[in-house]
Amino acid sequence: MSSVVAPKSPHVTPIPVRRALRMLGEHVSTWRKLNRLTAAQVAERADISRDTLRAIEQGKGTVSTENLLRVLRIIGIMDEVVKAADPYETDVGRLRMDEVLPKRVRT
């Protein structure tokens, strides 16, 4: 008995995610330029390739989170970006900060 494996559906990036990637890339590029850093300098200091930096600045969703954070650190905004993701910096997070969080969320 042979089993037929259905082909994987192509990976489709949702439009809001594509937009955010593009905007983040533009912001990274602008920060780099405001800091008067060349692409080569940022890539070298972040220990990544120029192609990886280009992918970040062009908003391609192909780079690792670590590489993105390496670049954000070099251009001086890593701490602010990480803080922006802090749930306790939001109204919802502050309202629920006294709640005990479950170890896992199950459906």
PDB file of N, CA and C in Angstrom:
ATOM      1  N   MET A   1       0.842  -1.173   0.000  1.00  0.00           N
ATOM      2  CA  MET A   1       0.000   0.000   0.000  1.00  0.00           C
ATOM      3  C   MET A   1       0.892   1.243   0.000  1.00  0.00           C
ATOM      4  N   SER A   2       0.744   2.067  -0.989  1.00  0.00           N
ATOM      5  CA  SER A   2       1.553   3.278  -1.053  1.00  0.00           C
ATOM      6  C   SER A   2       0.716   4.476  -0.648  1.00  0.00           C
ATOM      7  N   SER A   3       1.374   5.399  -0.031  1.00  0.00           N
ATOM      8  CA  SER A   3       0.653   6.604   0.362  1.00  0.00           C
ATOM      9  C   SER A   3       1.088   7.750  -0.544  1.00  0.00           C
ATOM     10  N   VAL A   4       0.153   8.574  -0.861  1.00  0.00           N
ATOM     11  CA  VAL A   4       0.418   9.719  -1.710  1.00  0.00           C
ATOM     12  C   VAL A   4       0.540  10.937  -0.806  1.00  0.00           C
ATOM     13  N   VAL A   5       1.634  11.640  -0.950  1.00  0.00           N
ATOM     14  CA  VAL A   5       1.860  12.836  -0.154  1.00  0.00           C
ATOM     15  C   VAL A   5       1.425  14.036  -0.980  1.00  0.00           C
ATOM     16  N   ALA A   6       0.532  14.805  -0.408  1.00  0.00           N
ATOM     17  CA  ALA A   6       0.063  16.001  -1.107  1.00  0.00           C
ATOM     18  C   ALA A   6       1.193  17.018  -1.160  1.00  0.00           C
ATOM     19  N   PRO A   7       1.320  17.720  -2.271  1.00  0.00           N
ATOM     20  CA  PRO A   7       2.375  18.734  -2.348  1.00  0.00           C
ATOM     21  C   PRO A   7       2.107  19.848  -1.343  1.00  0.00           C
ATOM     22  N   LYS A   8       3.181  20.375  -0.793  1.00  0.00           N
ATOM     23  CA  LYS A   8       3.057  21.483   0.152  1.00  0.00           C
ATOM     24  C   LYS A   8       2.517  22.708  -0.570  1.00  0.00           C
ATOM     25  N   SER A   9       1.627  23.409   0.096  1.00  0.00           N
ATOM     26  CA  SER A   9       1.150  24.647  -0.504  1.00  0.00           C
ATOM     27  C   SER A   9       2.265  25.678  -0.403  1.00  0.00           C
ATOM     28  N   PRO A  10       2.351  26.547  -1.374  1.00  0.00           N
ATOM     29  CA  PRO A  10       3.421  27.540  -1.348  1.00  0.00           C
ATOM     30  C   PRO A  10       3.257  28.467  -0.142  1.00  0.00           C
ATOM     31  N   HIS A  11       4.377  28.864   0.426  1.00  0.00           N
ATOM     32  CA  HIS A  11       4.388  29.778   1.563  1.00  0.00           C
ATOM     33  C   HIS A  11       3.976  31.157   1.072  1.00  0.00           C
ATOM     34  N   VAL A  12       2.888  31.660   1.611  1.00  0.00           N
ATOM     35  CA  VAL A  12       2.397  32.975   1.209  1.00  0.00           C
ATOM     36  C   VAL A  12       2.494  33.910   2.412  1.00  0.00           C
ATOM     37  N   THR A  13       3.215  34.984   2.245  1.00  0.00           N
ATOM     38  CA  THR A  13       3.356  35.962   3.316  1.00  0.00           C
ATOM     39  C   THR A  13       2.144  36.892   3.288  1.00  0.00           C
ATOM     40  N   PRO A  14       1.444  37.006   4.404  1.00  0.00           N
ATOM     41  CA  PRO A  14       0.278  37.910   4.446  1.00  0.00           C
ATOM     42  C   PRO A  14       0.682  39.354   4.135  1.00  0.00           C
ATOM     43  N   ILE A  15      -0.205  40.072   3.504  1.00  0.00           N
ATOM     44  CA  ILE A  15       0.072  41.452   3.085  1.00  0.00           C
ATOM     45  C   ILE A  15       0.521  42.334   4.249  1.00  0.00           C
ATOM     46  N   PRO A  16      -0.146  42.293   5.424  1.00  0.00           N
ATOM     47  CA  PRO A  16       0.336  43.148   6.520  1.00  0.00           C
ATOM     48  C   PRO A  16       1.763  42.806   6.958  1.00  0.00           C
ATOM     49  N   VAL A  17       2.133  41.538   6.871  1.00  0.00           N
ATOM     50  CA  VAL A  17       3.493  41.130   7.232  1.00  0.00           C
ATOM     51  C   VAL A  17       4.472  41.639   6.190  1.00  0.00           C
ATOM     52  N   ARG A  18       4.124  41.525   4.921  1.00  0.00           N
ATOM     53  CA  ARG A  18       4.992  42.052   3.858  1.00  0.00           C
ATOM     54  C   ARG A  18       5.203  43.554   4.026  1.00  0.00           C
ATOM     55  N   ARG A  19       4.120  44.249   4.348  1.00  0.00           N
ATOM     56  CA  ARG A  19       4.185  45.702   4.536  1.00  0.00           C
ATOM     57  C   ARG A  19       5.106  46.031   5.721  1.00  0.00           C
ATOM     58  N   ALA A  20       4.952  45.301   6.830  1.00  0.00           N
ATOM     59  CA  ALA A  20       5.782  45.544   8.014  1.00  0.00           C
ATOM     60  C   ALA A  20       7.249  45.246   7.725  1.00  0.00           C
ATOM     61  N   LEU A  21       7.519  44.172   6.983  1.00  0.00           N
ATOM     62  CA  LEU A  21       8.900  43.849   6.610  1.00  0.00           C
ATOM     63  C   LEU A  21       9.512  44.971   5.788  1.00  0.00           C
ATOM     64  N   ARG A  22       8.744  45.476   4.832  1.00  0.00           N
ATOM     65  CA  ARG A  22       9.226  46.558   3.977  1.00  0.00           C
ATOM     66  C   ARG A  22       9.486  47.823   4.797  1.00  0.00           C
ATOM     67  N   MET A  23       8.548  48.155   5.692  1.00  0.00           N
ATOM     68  CA  MET A  23       8.711  49.358   6.511  1.00  0.00           C
ATOM     69  C   MET A  23       9.895  49.216   7.464  1.00  0.00           C
ATOM     70  N   LEU A  24      10.041  48.050   8.085  1.00  0.00           N
ATOM     71  CA  LEU A  24      11.166  47.825   8.989  1.00  0.00           C
ATOM     72  C   LEU A  24      12.480  47.932   8.219  1.00  0.00           C
ATOM     73  N   GLY A  25      12.533  47.368   7.039  1.00  0.00           N
ATOM     74  CA  GLY A  25      13.726  47.461   6.213  1.00  0.00           C
ATOM     75  C   GLY A  25      14.075  48.907   5.874  1.00  0.00           C
ATOM     76  N   GLU A  26      13.057  49.687   5.528  1.00  0.00           N
ATOM     77  CA  GLU A  26      13.288  51.103   5.233  1.00  0.00           C
ATOM     78  C   GLU A  26      13.804  51.833   6.469  1.00  0.00           C
ATOM     79  N   HIS A  27      13.244  51.505   7.633  1.00  0.00           N
ATOM     80  CA  HIS A  27      13.687  52.144   8.878  1.00  0.00           C
ATOM     81  C   HIS A  27      15.141  51.784   9.186  1.00  0.00           C
ATOM     82  N   VAL A  28      15.488  50.514   9.011  1.00  0.00           N
ATOM     83  CA  VAL A  28      16.867  50.076   9.257  1.00  0.00           C
ATOM     84  C   VAL A  28      17.816  50.829   8.328  1.00  0.00           C
ATOM     85  N   SER A  29      17.461  50.921   7.068  1.00  0.00           N
ATOM     86  CA  SER A  29      18.294  51.631   6.097  1.00  0.00           C
ATOM     87  C   SER A  29      18.456  53.102   6.486  1.00  0.00           C
ATOM     88  N   THR A  30      17.367  53.736   6.885  1.00  0.00           N
ATOM     89  CA  THR A  30      17.418  55.146   7.276  1.00  0.00           C
ATOM     90  C   THR A  30      18.270  55.329   8.530  1.00  0.00           C
ATOM     91  N   TRP A  31      18.097  54.461   9.535  1.00  0.00           N
ATOM     92  CA  TRP A  31      18.923  54.542  10.749  1.00  0.00           C
ATOM     93  C   TRP A  31      20.403  54.377  10.409  1.00  0.00           C
ATOM     94  N   ARG A  32      20.705  53.433   9.528  1.00  0.00           N
ATOM     95  CA  ARG A  32      22.094  53.221   9.122  1.00  0.00           C
ATOM     96  C   ARG A  32      22.674  54.498   8.530  1.00  0.00           C
ATOM     97  N   LYS A  33      21.904  55.121   7.661  1.00  0.00           N
ATOM     98  CA  LYS A  33      22.368  56.345   7.008  1.00  0.00           C
ATOM     99  C   LYS A  33      22.459  57.510   7.991  1.00  0.00           C
ATOM    100  N   LEU A  34      21.498  57.613   8.919  1.00  0.00           N
ATOM    101  CA  LEU A  34      21.555  58.661   9.938  1.00  0.00           C
ATOM    102  C   LEU A  34      22.798  58.515  10.803  1.00  0.00           C
ATOM    103  N   ASN A  35      23.223  57.281  11.027  1.00  0.00           N
ATOM    104  CA  ASN A  35      24.437  57.011  11.798  1.00  0.00           C
ATOM    105  C   ASN A  35      25.699  57.114  10.944  1.00  0.00           C
ATOM    106  N   ARG A  36      25.522  57.511   9.667  1.00  0.00           N
ATOM    107  CA  ARG A  36      26.639  57.670   8.733  1.00  0.00           C
ATOM    108  C   ARG A  36      27.464  56.390   8.599  1.00  0.00           C
ATOM    109  N   LEU A  37      26.753  55.251   8.547  1.00  0.00           N
ATOM    110  CA  LEU A  37      27.408  53.959   8.397  1.00  0.00           C
ATOM    111  C   LEU A  37      27.137  53.408   7.008  1.00  0.00           C
ATOM    112  N   THR A  38      28.161  52.866   6.383  1.00  0.00           N
ATOM    113  CA  THR A  38      27.966  52.217   5.094  1.00  0.00           C
ATOM    114  C   THR A  38      27.391  50.827   5.328  1.00  0.00           C
ATOM    115  N   ALA A  39      26.824  50.259   4.285  1.00  0.00           N
ATOM    116  CA  ALA A  39      26.315  48.892   4.383  1.00  0.00           C
ATOM    117  C   ALA A  39      27.447  47.937   4.741  1.00  0.00           C
ATOM    118  N   ALA A  40      28.610  48.169   4.179  1.00  0.00           N
ATOM    119  CA  ALA A  40      29.757  47.307   4.466  1.00  0.00           C
ATOM    120  C   ALA A  40      30.150  47.393   5.938  1.00  0.00           C
ATOM    121  N   GLN A  41      30.120  48.597   6.508  1.00  0.00           N
ATOM    122  CA  GLN A  41      30.471  48.752   7.922  1.00  0.00           C
ATOM    123  C   GLN A  41      29.485  48.014   8.822  1.00  0.00           C
ATOM    124  N   VAL A  42      28.188  48.176   8.554  1.00  0.00           N
ATOM    125  CA  VAL A  42      27.173  47.513   9.382  1.00  0.00           C
ATOM    126  C   VAL A  42      27.291  46.005   9.253  1.00  0.00           C
ATOM    127  N   ALA A  43      27.427  45.525   8.038  1.00  0.00           N
ATOM    128  CA  ALA A  43      27.546  44.077   7.820  1.00  0.00           C
ATOM    129  C   ALA A  43      28.760  43.523   8.564  1.00  0.00           C
ATOM    130  N   GLU A  44      29.885  44.214   8.470  1.00  0.00           N
ATOM    131  CA  GLU A  44      31.095  43.742   9.138  1.00  0.00           C
ATOM    132  C   GLU A  44      30.927  43.753  10.655  1.00  0.00           C
ATOM    133  N   ARG A  45      30.393  44.851  11.197  1.00  0.00           N
ATOM    134  CA  ARG A  45      30.231  44.976  12.650  1.00  0.00           C
ATOM    135  C   ARG A  45      29.197  43.991  13.197  1.00  0.00           C
ATOM    136  N   ALA A  46      28.196  43.683  12.381  1.00  0.00           N
ATOM    137  CA  ALA A  46      27.159  42.729  12.803  1.00  0.00           C
ATOM    138  C   ALA A  46      27.564  41.294  12.524  1.00  0.00           C
ATOM    139  N   ASP A  47      28.689  41.123  11.857  1.00  0.00           N
ATOM    140  CA  ASP A  47      29.200  39.799  11.489  1.00  0.00           C
ATOM    141  C   ASP A  47      28.208  39.034  10.614  1.00  0.00           C
ATOM    142  N   ILE A  48      27.689  39.755   9.616  1.00  0.00           N
ATOM    143  CA  ILE A  48      26.778  39.163   8.630  1.00  0.00           C
ATOM    144  C   ILE A  48      27.271  39.553   7.242  1.00  0.00           C
ATOM    145  N   SER A  49      26.706  38.934   6.224  1.00  0.00           N
ATOM    146  CA  SER A  49      27.103  39.287   4.858  1.00  0.00           C
ATOM    147  C   SER A  49      26.361  40.541   4.393  1.00  0.00           C
ATOM    148  N   ARG A  50      26.898  41.183   3.391  1.00  0.00           N
ATOM    149  CA  ARG A  50      26.208  42.341   2.811  1.00  0.00           C
ATOM    150  C   ARG A  50      24.885  41.907   2.213  1.00  0.00           C
ATOM    151  N   ASP A  51      24.827  40.684   1.661  1.00  0.00           N
ATOM    152  CA  ASP A  51      23.564  40.178   1.109  1.00  0.00           C
ATOM    153  C   ASP A  51      22.499  40.049   2.195  1.00  0.00           C
ATOM    154  N   THR A  52      22.901  39.625   3.389  1.00  0.00           N
ATOM    155  CA  THR A  52      21.939  39.517   4.494  1.00  0.00           C
ATOM    156  C   THR A  52      21.439  40.897   4.897  1.00  0.00           C
ATOM    157  N   LEU A  53      22.349  41.861   4.988  1.00  0.00           N
ATOM    158  CA  LEU A  53      21.929  43.228   5.307  1.00  0.00           C
ATOM    159  C   LEU A  53      21.006  43.761   4.222  1.00  0.00           C
ATOM    160  N   ARG A  54      21.344  43.500   2.975  1.00  0.00           N
ATOM    161  CA  ARG A  54      20.488  43.937   1.861  1.00  0.00           C
ATOM    162  C   ARG A  54      19.090  43.335   1.989  1.00  0.00           C
ATOM    163  N   ALA A  55      19.018  42.055   2.353  1.00  0.00           N
ATOM    164  CA  ALA A  55      17.715  41.389   2.516  1.00  0.00           C
ATOM    165  C   ALA A  55      16.908  42.059   3.623  1.00  0.00           C
ATOM    166  N   ILE A  56      17.576  42.439   4.708  1.00  0.00           N
ATOM    167  CA  ILE A  56      16.881  43.134   5.797  1.00  0.00           C
ATOM    168  C   ILE A  56      16.364  44.477   5.308  1.00  0.00           C
ATOM    169  N   GLU A  57      17.233  45.250   4.675  1.00  0.00           N
ATOM    170  CA  GLU A  57      16.856  46.596   4.235  1.00  0.00           C
ATOM    171  C   GLU A  57      15.816  46.576   3.123  1.00  0.00           C
ATOM    172  N   GLN A  58      15.754  45.498   2.370  1.00  0.00           N
ATOM    173  CA  GLN A  58      14.747  45.393   1.310  1.00  0.00           C
ATOM    174  C   GLN A  58      13.462  44.751   1.807  1.00  0.00           C
ATOM    175  N   GLY A  59      13.422  44.356   3.070  1.00  0.00           N
ATOM    176  CA  GLY A  59      12.205  43.794   3.639  1.00  0.00           C
ATOM    177  C   GLY A  59      11.912  42.379   3.202  1.00  0.00           C
ATOM    178  N   LYS A  60      12.961  41.644   2.862  1.00  0.00           N
ATOM    179  CA  LYS A  60      12.752  40.235   2.511  1.00  0.00           C
ATOM    180  C   LYS A  60      12.672  39.443   3.811  1.00  0.00           C
ATOM    181  N   GLY A  61      11.707  38.593   3.930  1.00  0.00           N
ATOM    182  CA  GLY A  61      11.507  37.845   5.161  1.00  0.00           C
ATOM    183  C   GLY A  61      12.329  36.583   5.235  1.00  0.00           C
ATOM    184  N   THR A  62      13.594  36.675   4.844  1.00  0.00           N
ATOM    185  CA  THR A  62      14.406  35.472   4.746  1.00  0.00           C
ATOM    186  C   THR A  62      15.536  35.410   5.757  1.00  0.00           C
ATOM    187  N   VAL A  63      15.710  36.414   6.587  1.00  0.00           N
ATOM    188  CA  VAL A  63      16.841  36.439   7.512  1.00  0.00           C
ATOM    189  C   VAL A  63      16.430  35.950   8.893  1.00  0.00           C
ATOM    190  N   SER A  64      17.410  35.491   9.657  1.00  0.00           N
ATOM    191  CA  SER A  64      17.116  35.011  11.004  1.00  0.00           C
ATOM    192  C   SER A  64      16.874  36.190  11.947  1.00  0.00           C
ATOM    193  N   THR A  65      16.180  35.912  13.011  1.00  0.00           N
ATOM    194  CA  THR A  65      15.923  36.926  14.026  1.00  0.00           C
ATOM    195  C   THR A  65      17.239  37.404  14.626  1.00  0.00           C
ATOM    196  N   GLU A  66      18.171  36.477  14.824  1.00  0.00           N
ATOM    197  CA  GLU A  66      19.465  36.866  15.387  1.00  0.00           C
ATOM    198  C   GLU A  66      20.179  37.858  14.492  1.00  0.00           C
ATOM    199  N   ASN A  67      20.178  37.622  13.193  1.00  0.00           N
ATOM    200  CA  ASN A  67      20.842  38.550  12.283  1.00  0.00           C
ATOM    201  C   ASN A  67      20.169  39.915  12.291  1.00  0.00           C
ATOM    202  N   LEU A  68      18.852  39.924  12.353  1.00  0.00           N
ATOM    203  CA  LEU A  68      18.140  41.201  12.436  1.00  0.00           C
ATOM    204  C   LEU A  68      18.547  41.937  13.711  1.00  0.00           C
ATOM    205  N   LEU A  69      18.573  41.236  14.836  1.00  0.00           N
ATOM    206  CA  LEU A  69      18.945  41.872  16.096  1.00  0.00           C
ATOM    207  C   LEU A  69      20.400  42.340  16.084  1.00  0.00           C
ATOM    208  N   ARG A  70      21.277  41.617  15.419  1.00  0.00           N
ATOM    209  CA  ARG A  70      22.670  42.060  15.302  1.00  0.00           C
ATOM    210  C   ARG A  70      22.732  43.422  14.607  1.00  0.00           C
ATOM    211  N   VAL A  71      21.967  43.571  13.532  1.00  0.00           N
ATOM    212  CA  VAL A  71      21.949  44.842  12.798  1.00  0.00           C
ATOM    213  C   VAL A  71      21.315  45.935  13.652  1.00  0.00           C
ATOM    214  N   LEU A  72      20.203  45.629  14.316  1.00  0.00           N
ATOM    215  CA  LEU A  72      19.548  46.634  15.162  1.00  0.00           C
ATOM    216  C   LEU A  72      20.482  47.108  16.267  1.00  0.00           C
ATOM    217  N   ARG A  73      21.310  46.207  16.792  1.00  0.00           N
ATOM    218  CA  ARG A  73      22.273  46.588  17.825  1.00  0.00           C
ATOM    219  C   ARG A  73      23.311  47.553  17.260  1.00  0.00           C
ATOM    220  N   ILE A  74      23.806  47.266  16.062  1.00  0.00           N
ATOM    221  CA  ILE A  74      24.835  48.115  15.451  1.00  0.00           C
ATOM    222  C   ILE A  74      24.295  49.511  15.152  1.00  0.00           C
ATOM    223  N   ILE A  75      23.042  49.607  14.711  1.00  0.00           N
ATOM    224  CA  ILE A  75      22.492  50.937  14.390  1.00  0.00           C
ATOM    225  C   ILE A  75      21.886  51.626  15.608  1.00  0.00           C
ATOM    226  N   GLY A  76      21.938  50.950  16.768  1.00  0.00           N
ATOM    227  CA  GLY A  76      21.581  51.605  18.025  1.00  0.00           C
ATOM    228  C   GLY A  76      20.121  51.570  18.430  1.00  0.00           C
ATOM    229  N   ILE A  77      19.323  50.658  17.867  1.00  0.00           N
ATOM    230  CA  ILE A  77      17.893  50.643  18.226  1.00  0.00           C
ATOM    231  C   ILE A  77      17.411  49.298  18.748  1.00  0.00           C
ATOM    232  N   MET A  78      18.315  48.363  18.982  1.00  0.00           N
ATOM    233  CA  MET A  78      17.881  47.033  19.423  1.00  0.00           C
ATOM    234  C   MET A  78      17.080  47.101  20.726  1.00  0.00           C
ATOM    235  N   ASP A  79      17.579  47.823  21.720  1.00  0.00           N
ATOM    236  CA  ASP A  79      16.885  47.877  23.001  1.00  0.00           C
ATOM    237  C   ASP A  79      15.484  48.468  22.863  1.00  0.00           C
ATOM    238  N   GLU A  80      15.348  49.497  22.043  1.00  0.00           N
ATOM    239  CA  GLU A  80      14.035  50.120  21.851  1.00  0.00           C
ATOM    240  C   GLU A  80      13.065  49.175  21.143  1.00  0.00           C
ATOM    241  N   VAL A  81      13.567  48.420  20.167  1.00  0.00           N
ATOM    242  CA  VAL A  81      12.707  47.486  19.447  1.00  0.00           C
ATOM    243  C   VAL A  81      12.255  46.361  20.372  1.00  0.00           C
ATOM    244  N   VAL A  82      13.180  45.834  21.171  1.00  0.00           N
ATOM    245  CA  VAL A  82      12.823  44.772  22.114  1.00  0.00           C
ATOM    246  C   VAL A  82      11.835  45.308  23.144  1.00  0.00           C
ATOM    247  N   LYS A  83      12.061  46.522  23.635  1.00  0.00           N
ATOM    248  CA  LYS A  83      11.145  47.115  24.614  1.00  0.00           C
ATOM    249  C   LYS A  83       9.755  47.330  24.009  1.00  0.00           C
ATOM    250  N   ALA A  84       9.706  47.662  22.727  1.00  0.00           N
ATOM    251  CA  ALA A  84       8.414  47.870  22.069  1.00  0.00           C
ATOM    252  C   ALA A  84       7.580  46.597  22.058  1.00  0.00           C
ATOM    253  N   ALA A  85       8.232  45.448  22.148  1.00  0.00           N
ATOM    254  CA  ALA A  85       7.502  44.177  22.163  1.00  0.00           C
ATOM    255  C   ALA A  85       7.119  43.748  23.575  1.00  0.00           C
ATOM    256  N   ASP A  86       7.501  44.521  24.583  1.00  0.00           N
ATOM    257  CA  ASP A  86       7.196  44.187  25.971  1.00  0.00           C
ATOM    258  C   ASP A  86       5.691  44.325  26.208  1.00  0.00           C
ATOM    259  N   PRO A  87       5.018  43.219  26.534  1.00  0.00           N
ATOM    260  CA  PRO A  87       3.569  43.295  26.722  1.00  0.00           C
ATOM    261  C   PRO A  87       3.163  44.194  27.881  1.00  0.00           C
ATOM    262  N   TYR A  88       4.039  44.349  28.862  1.00  0.00           N
ATOM    263  CA  TYR A  88       3.693  45.179  30.016  1.00  0.00           C
ATOM    264  C   TYR A  88       3.869  46.664  29.749  1.00  0.00           C
ATOM    265  N   GLU A  89       4.287  47.017  28.555  1.00  0.00           N
ATOM    266  CA  GLU A  89       4.352  48.408  28.126  1.00  0.00           C
ATOM    267  C   GLU A  89       3.064  48.820  27.401  1.00  0.00           C
ATOM    268  N   THR A  90       2.106  47.893  27.307  1.00  0.00           N
ATOM    269  CA  THR A  90       0.833  48.185  26.623  1.00  0.00           C
ATOM    270  C   THR A  90      -0.284  48.303  27.646  1.00  0.00           C
ATOM    271  N   ASP A  91      -1.395  48.911  27.236  1.00  0.00           N
ATOM    272  CA  ASP A  91      -2.548  49.027  28.126  1.00  0.00           C
ATOM    273  C   ASP A  91      -3.048  47.658  28.563  1.00  0.00           C
ATOM    274  N   VAL A  92      -3.162  46.726  27.619  1.00  0.00           N
ATOM    275  CA  VAL A  92      -3.644  45.382  27.940  1.00  0.00           C
ATOM    276  C   VAL A  92      -2.698  44.705  28.925  1.00  0.00           C
ATOM    277  N   GLY A  93      -1.408  44.807  28.677  1.00  0.00           N
ATOM    278  CA  GLY A  93      -0.427  44.190  29.562  1.00  0.00           C
ATOM    279  C   GLY A  93      -0.476  44.770  30.963  1.00  0.00           C
ATOM    280  N   ARG A  94      -0.615  46.090  31.058  1.00  0.00           N
ATOM    281  CA  ARG A  94      -0.689  46.720  32.386  1.00  0.00           C
ATOM    282  C   ARG A  94      -1.960  46.318  33.118  1.00  0.00           C
ATOM    283  N   LEU A  95      -3.067  46.186  32.377  1.00  0.00           N
ATOM    284  CA  LEU A  95      -4.325  45.769  33.013  1.00  0.00           C
ATOM    285  C   LEU A  95      -4.230  44.347  33.562  1.00  0.00           C
ATOM    286  N   ARG A  96      -3.466  43.503  32.897  1.00  0.00           N
ATOM    287  CA  ARG A  96      -3.403  42.094  33.275  1.00  0.00           C
ATOM    288  C   ARG A  96      -2.107  41.706  33.979  1.00  0.00           C
ATOM    289  N   MET A  97      -1.305  42.672  34.371  1.00  0.00           N
ATOM    290  CA  MET A  97       0.009  42.355  34.914  1.00  0.00           C
ATOM    291  C   MET A  97      -0.042  41.583  36.226  1.00  0.00           C
ATOM    292  N   ASP A  98      -1.136  41.669  36.959  1.00  0.00           N
ATOM    293  CA  ASP A  98      -1.227  40.941  38.226  1.00  0.00           C
ATOM    294  C   ASP A  98      -1.736  39.522  38.050  1.00  0.00           C
ATOM    295  N   GLU A  99      -2.162  39.176  36.836  1.00  0.00           N
ATOM    296  CA  GLU A  99      -2.649  37.824  36.586  1.00  0.00           C
ATOM    297  C   GLU A  99      -1.478  36.844  36.548  1.00  0.00           C
ATOM    298  N   VAL A 100      -1.732  35.641  37.001  1.00  0.00           N
ATOM    299  CA  VAL A 100      -0.737  34.594  36.894  1.00  0.00           C
ATOM    300  C   VAL A 100      -0.868  33.986  35.507  1.00  0.00           C
ATOM    301  N   LEU A 101       0.219  34.021  34.753  1.00  0.00           N
ATOM    302  CA  LEU A 101       0.188  33.499  33.393  1.00  0.00           C
ATOM    303  C   LEU A 101       0.249  31.975  33.418  1.00  0.00           C
ATOM    304  N   PRO A 102      -0.526  31.343  32.539  1.00  0.00           N
ATOM    305  CA  PRO A 102      -0.453  29.883  32.477  1.00  0.00           C
ATOM    306  C   PRO A 102       0.902  29.454  31.920  1.00  0.00           C
ATOM    307  N   LYS A 103       1.349  28.258  32.319  1.00  0.00           N
ATOM    308  CA  LYS A 103       2.612  27.741  31.777  1.00  0.00           C
ATOM    309  C   LYS A 103       2.462  27.451  30.287  1.00  0.00           C
ATOM    310  N   ARG A 104       1.277  27.009  29.886  1.00  0.00           N
ATOM    311  CA  ARG A 104       0.986  26.744  28.473  1.00  0.00           C
ATOM    312  C   ARG A 104      -0.431  27.221  28.188  1.00  0.00           C
ATOM    313  N   VAL A 105      -0.658  27.592  26.961  1.00  0.00           N
ATOM    314  CA  VAL A 105      -1.999  27.943  26.506  1.00  0.00           C
ATOM    315  C   VAL A 105      -2.444  26.826  25.584  1.00  0.00           C
ATOM    316  N   ARG A 106      -3.553  26.222  25.933  1.00  0.00           N
ATOM    317  CA  ARG A 106      -4.073  25.108  25.126  1.00  0.00           C
ATOM    318  C   ARG A 106      -5.403  25.488  24.493  1.00  0.00           C
ATOM    319  N   THR A 107      -5.664  24.888  23.354  1.00  0.00           N
ATOM    320  CA  THR A 107      -6.949  25.158  22.699  1.00  0.00           C
ATOM    321  C   THR A 107      -7.938  24.071  22.980  1.00  0.00           C
TER     322      THR A 107
END
